């Protein structure tokens, strides 16, 4: 028997997680596009990072992307293990790919609850 569980995350998480990844991508690959002066002290800090530690930003960006992909694959495995249907498995995969641990944490809580009930 398949389960049709899916719990959407708060939309504010999309702004925080994906906005952060977008800013990191801009800093890593197109630092000239960032309007540093609008961010105050944070802008000065990120401008210093972009100018003096560019390779660190690129490394952090690729680590973040790798972790989001890894967490999305974990979500697929958890969905398969607890018999969530295909449609909702795809939803969990996409949400976890975009949000990372925020989404994976919700799925892991549900999996633990389901194991306790069995």
C-alpha atoms as a PDB file:
ATOM      1  CA  UNK A   1       0.000   0.000   0.000  1.00  0.00           C
ATOM      2  CA  UNK A   2       1.357   3.405  -0.937  1.00  0.00           C
ATOM      3  CA  UNK A   3       1.173   6.527   1.145  1.00  0.00           C
ATOM      4  CA  UNK A   4       0.297   9.904  -0.353  1.00  0.00           C
ATOM      5  CA  UNK A   5       1.944  12.137   2.256  1.00  0.00           C
ATOM      6  CA  UNK A   6       3.406  15.498   1.279  1.00  0.00           C
ATOM      7  CA  UNK A   7       3.860  18.551   3.466  1.00  0.00           C
ATOM      8  CA  UNK A   8       4.750  21.797   1.740  1.00  0.00           C
ATOM      9  CA  UNK A   9       7.277  24.051   3.422  1.00  0.00           C
ATOM     10  CA  UNK A  10       6.609  27.649   4.361  1.00  0.00           C
ATOM     11  CA  UNK A  11       7.159  29.861   1.281  1.00  0.00           C
ATOM     12  CA  UNK A  12       9.529  32.067   3.286  1.00  0.00           C
ATOM     13  CA  UNK A  13      12.008  29.183   3.265  1.00  0.00           C
ATOM     14  CA  UNK A  14      12.144  29.410  -0.533  1.00  0.00           C
ATOM     15  CA  UNK A  15      13.079  33.078  -0.304  1.00  0.00           C
ATOM     16  CA  UNK A  16      15.794  32.398   2.273  1.00  0.00           C
ATOM     17  CA  UNK A  17      17.322  29.228   0.781  1.00  0.00           C
ATOM     18  CA  UNK A  18      17.024  29.938  -2.914  1.00  0.00           C
ATOM     19  CA  UNK A  19      17.752  33.632  -2.449  1.00  0.00           C
ATOM     20  CA  UNK A  20      20.912  32.702  -0.571  1.00  0.00           C
ATOM     21  CA  UNK A  21      21.982  30.282  -3.285  1.00  0.00           C
ATOM     22  CA  UNK A  22      21.269  32.905  -5.936  1.00  0.00           C
ATOM     23  CA  UNK A  23      23.329  35.513  -4.090  1.00  0.00           C
ATOM     24  CA  UNK A  24      26.147  33.008  -3.648  1.00  0.00           C
ATOM     25  CA  UNK A  25      26.042  32.181  -7.372  1.00  0.00           C
ATOM     26  CA  UNK A  26      26.191  35.867  -8.289  1.00  0.00           C
ATOM     27  CA  UNK A  27      29.102  36.425  -5.901  1.00  0.00           C
ATOM     28  CA  UNK A  28      30.941  33.374  -7.211  1.00  0.00           C
ATOM     29  CA  UNK A  29      30.413  33.795 -10.952  1.00  0.00           C
ATOM     30  CA  UNK A  30      29.264  37.375 -11.650  1.00  0.00           C
ATOM     31  CA  UNK A  31      30.576  39.537  -8.778  1.00  0.00           C
ATOM     32  CA  UNK A  32      30.392  42.694 -10.912  1.00  0.00           C
ATOM     33  CA  UNK A  33      26.562  42.431 -10.926  1.00  0.00           C
ATOM     34  CA  UNK A  34      26.185  42.641  -7.134  1.00  0.00           C
ATOM     35  CA  UNK A  35      25.094  46.083  -5.826  1.00  0.00           C
ATOM     36  CA  UNK A  36      27.327  45.968  -2.732  1.00  0.00           C
ATOM     37  CA  UNK A  37      26.564  49.534  -1.620  1.00  0.00           C
ATOM     38  CA  UNK A  38      22.923  48.645  -0.881  1.00  0.00           C
ATOM     39  CA  UNK A  39      23.880  46.012   1.686  1.00  0.00           C
ATOM     40  CA  UNK A  40      25.856  48.220   4.106  1.00  0.00           C
ATOM     41  CA  UNK A  41      28.396  46.366   6.224  1.00  0.00           C
ATOM     42  CA  UNK A  42      27.270  43.037   4.773  1.00  0.00           C
ATOM     43  CA  UNK A  43      27.921  44.438   1.297  1.00  0.00           C
ATOM     44  CA  UNK A  44      31.442  45.480   2.259  1.00  0.00           C
ATOM     45  CA  UNK A  45      32.080  42.020   3.677  1.00  0.00           C
ATOM     46  CA  UNK A  46      30.780  40.222   0.585  1.00  0.00           C
ATOM     47  CA  UNK A  47      32.693  42.575  -1.721  1.00  0.00           C
ATOM     48  CA  UNK A  48      35.872  41.711   0.187  1.00  0.00           C
ATOM     49  CA  UNK A  49      35.079  38.006  -0.197  1.00  0.00           C
ATOM     50  CA  UNK A  50      34.379  38.377  -3.912  1.00  0.00           C
ATOM     51  CA  UNK A  51      37.549  40.366  -4.547  1.00  0.00           C
ATOM     52  CA  UNK A  52      40.009  38.554  -2.275  1.00  0.00           C
ATOM     53  CA  UNK A  53      38.613  35.049  -1.782  1.00  0.00           C
ATOM     54  CA  UNK A  54      36.888  34.257  -5.071  1.00  0.00           C
ATOM     55  CA  UNK A  55      37.890  30.588  -5.138  1.00  0.00           C
ATOM     56  CA  UNK A  56      36.440  30.106  -1.651  1.00  0.00           C
ATOM     57  CA  UNK A  57      33.060  31.398  -2.856  1.00  0.00           C
ATOM     58  CA  UNK A  58      33.125  29.095  -5.874  1.00  0.00           C
ATOM     59  CA  UNK A  59      34.029  26.150  -3.623  1.00  0.00           C
ATOM     60  CA  UNK A  60      31.226  26.976  -1.156  1.00  0.00           C
ATOM     61  CA  UNK A  61      28.746  27.305  -4.035  1.00  0.00           C
ATOM     62  CA  UNK A  62      29.564  23.861  -5.458  1.00  0.00           C
ATOM     63  CA  UNK A  63      29.507  22.278  -1.984  1.00  0.00           C
ATOM     64  CA  UNK A  64      26.044  23.786  -1.387  1.00  0.00           C
ATOM     65  CA  UNK A  65      24.779  22.482  -4.744  1.00  0.00           C
ATOM     66  CA  UNK A  66      26.245  19.035  -4.051  1.00  0.00           C
ATOM     67  CA  UNK A  67      24.614  18.934  -0.601  1.00  0.00           C
ATOM     68  CA  UNK A  68      21.205  19.895  -1.996  1.00  0.00           C
ATOM     69  CA  UNK A  69      21.466  17.139  -4.624  1.00  0.00           C
ATOM     70  CA  UNK A  70      22.607  14.632  -1.989  1.00  0.00           C
ATOM     71  CA  UNK A  71      19.708  15.577   0.312  1.00  0.00           C
ATOM     72  CA  UNK A  72      17.239  15.252  -2.581  1.00  0.00           C
ATOM     73  CA  UNK A  73      18.553  11.741  -3.314  1.00  0.00           C
ATOM     74  CA  UNK A  74      18.165  10.905   0.380  1.00  0.00           C
ATOM     75  CA  UNK A  75      14.564  12.127   0.151  1.00  0.00           C
ATOM     76  CA  UNK A  76      13.991   9.718  -2.761  1.00  0.00           C
ATOM     77  CA  UNK A  77      15.364   6.825  -0.721  1.00  0.00           C
ATOM     78  CA  UNK A  78      13.266   7.708   2.331  1.00  0.00           C
ATOM     79  CA  UNK A  79      10.120   7.998   0.187  1.00  0.00           C
ATOM     80  CA  UNK A  80      10.810   4.586  -1.343  1.00  0.00           C
ATOM     81  CA  UNK A  81      11.455   3.066   2.082  1.00  0.00           C
ATOM     82  CA  UNK A  82       8.186   4.335   3.577  1.00  0.00           C
ATOM     83  CA  UNK A  83       6.198   3.648   0.366  1.00  0.00           C
ATOM     84  CA  UNK A  84       5.185   7.171  -0.641  1.00  0.00           C
ATOM     85  CA  UNK A  85       3.545   7.277  -4.079  1.00  0.00           C
ATOM     86  CA  UNK A  86       5.381   8.484  -7.187  1.00  0.00           C
ATOM     87  CA  UNK A  87       3.735  11.909  -7.455  1.00  0.00           C
ATOM     88  CA  UNK A  88       4.504  12.861  -3.886  1.00  0.00           C
ATOM     89  CA  UNK A  89       7.994  11.366  -4.130  1.00  0.00           C
ATOM     90  CA  UNK A  90       8.645  13.777  -7.006  1.00  0.00           C
ATOM     91  CA  UNK A  91       7.289  16.618  -4.883  1.00  0.00           C
ATOM     92  CA  UNK A  92       9.578  15.685  -1.992  1.00  0.00           C
ATOM     93  CA  UNK A  93      12.530  15.425  -4.368  1.00  0.00           C
ATOM     94  CA  UNK A  94      11.949  18.866  -5.899  1.00  0.00           C
ATOM     95  CA  UNK A  95      11.214  20.546  -2.577  1.00  0.00           C
ATOM     96  CA  UNK A  96      14.327  19.022  -0.994  1.00  0.00           C
ATOM     97  CA  UNK A  97      16.428  19.957  -4.013  1.00  0.00           C
ATOM     98  CA  UNK A  98      15.342  23.585  -3.586  1.00  0.00           C
ATOM     99  CA  UNK A  99      15.294  23.805   0.221  1.00  0.00           C
ATOM    100  CA  UNK A 100      17.725  21.174   1.430  1.00  0.00           C
ATOM    101  CA  UNK A 101      17.502  20.111   5.057  1.00  0.00           C
ATOM    102  CA  UNK A 102      14.392  22.195   5.758  1.00  0.00           C
ATOM    103  CA  UNK A 103      12.385  19.799   3.593  1.00  0.00           C
ATOM    104  CA  UNK A 104      14.378  16.683   4.421  1.00  0.00           C
ATOM    105  CA  UNK A 105      13.798  17.315   8.129  1.00  0.00           C
ATOM    106  CA  UNK A 106      10.015  17.265   7.631  1.00  0.00           C
ATOM    107  CA  UNK A 107      10.244  14.016   5.681  1.00  0.00           C
ATOM    108  CA  UNK A 108      12.515  12.408   8.270  1.00  0.00           C
ATOM    109  CA  UNK A 109      10.094  13.375  11.067  1.00  0.00           C
ATOM    110  CA  UNK A 110       7.242  11.742   9.169  1.00  0.00           C
ATOM    111  CA  UNK A 111       9.319   8.613   8.506  1.00  0.00           C
ATOM    112  CA  UNK A 112      10.207   8.318  12.203  1.00  0.00           C
ATOM    113  CA  UNK A 113       6.555   8.784  13.184  1.00  0.00           C
ATOM    114  CA  UNK A 114       5.489   6.126  10.670  1.00  0.00           C
ATOM    115  CA  UNK A 115       8.127   3.675  11.980  1.00  0.00           C
ATOM    116  CA  UNK A 116       6.887   4.185  15.561  1.00  0.00           C
ATOM    117  CA  UNK A 117       3.321   3.437  14.450  1.00  0.00           C
ATOM    118  CA  UNK A 118       4.327   0.177  12.750  1.00  0.00           C
END
